[in-house]
Amino acid sequence: MVPVPTPLPAPEMPDGSRRYRHLDPRLIIETADKLQSRVADRFPDSGLSRVSKELALLAQDASMSAKALEAPIWWIRILIGVAIAAGALIFLFVGTILSFDRISTDEAFDFVQGVEASINTILLAGLGFIALTRTEERIKRRRVFADLHSLRSLIHVIDMHQLTKDPAALSDDFKPTEHSPSRITNPRDLARYLDYCTEMLSITGKLAALYAQSVNDDIVVAAVNDIEELGSNLSRKIWQKITMIESLIRTA
């Protein structure tokens, strides 16, 4: 006989280690609040400061919304249970009334047709019950999409604020026009401004991930991935600017 290997004992997990297997909304909110304070300290009167404040508020709303989505929608589940029970009672009642001992030979053919119709009805009822069971999923999905739309809009707002922060404005031969926007002339401040934008984009991705953690739905996960990819693409574009600024600082 082939010896059966003795299973290794499960490794002891340090206290609190499992907390890192899930996103903690409280820590995301804390990170957003600290970022808002940092932006307000360095750029108190800027539009980015107001956007960071809105992000902190949105973090609280997203946390509560994602937590609420974890709970079942009981009225839908009760309605589904009542519909299934009513359908079962109807078929049981019909099956009790219709029996072969109460039907003559001449009526056997009609009875077979009735059985066939009953089978078709059962199939249609089954499809209806499946649709009912997915009602809760569709309602939660609609709520998630509404919240994800807010996150997507905020990502574009953050991108608008970094749009005019061009490292080319730091060069000595740069000449602004009459309608040029206000510029940050200090390279380190400009790099810090852009770095704050990347942090805000990262937080929006984590807020979107809260919904994927709360709702186990492939369509929701795909929508969350799209938002995270959008934020990552914009962050890469911003980091190209930061790299150019750091190069200017080193050569100065």
Foldseek 3Di string as FASTA:
>chain_A
DDDDDDDDDDDDDPPPPCVVVDDDLVVLLVVLVVLLVVCCVLPVPDPVNVLSVVLSVLSVVLVVLLVVLLDFPVVLVVVLVVLVVVVVVVVVVVVVVDDPVVDDPVCVVVVVVVVVVVVVVVVVVVVVSVVSVCPRVVVLVVVLVVSLVVLLVSLVVLLVRLVLAACVCQDPPDDDDPPRDDYDNDLVSSLVSLVSSLVSLVSSLVSLVSNCVSRVDPVSVVSSVVSNVVSVVSNVVSVVRSVVSVVVVVVD
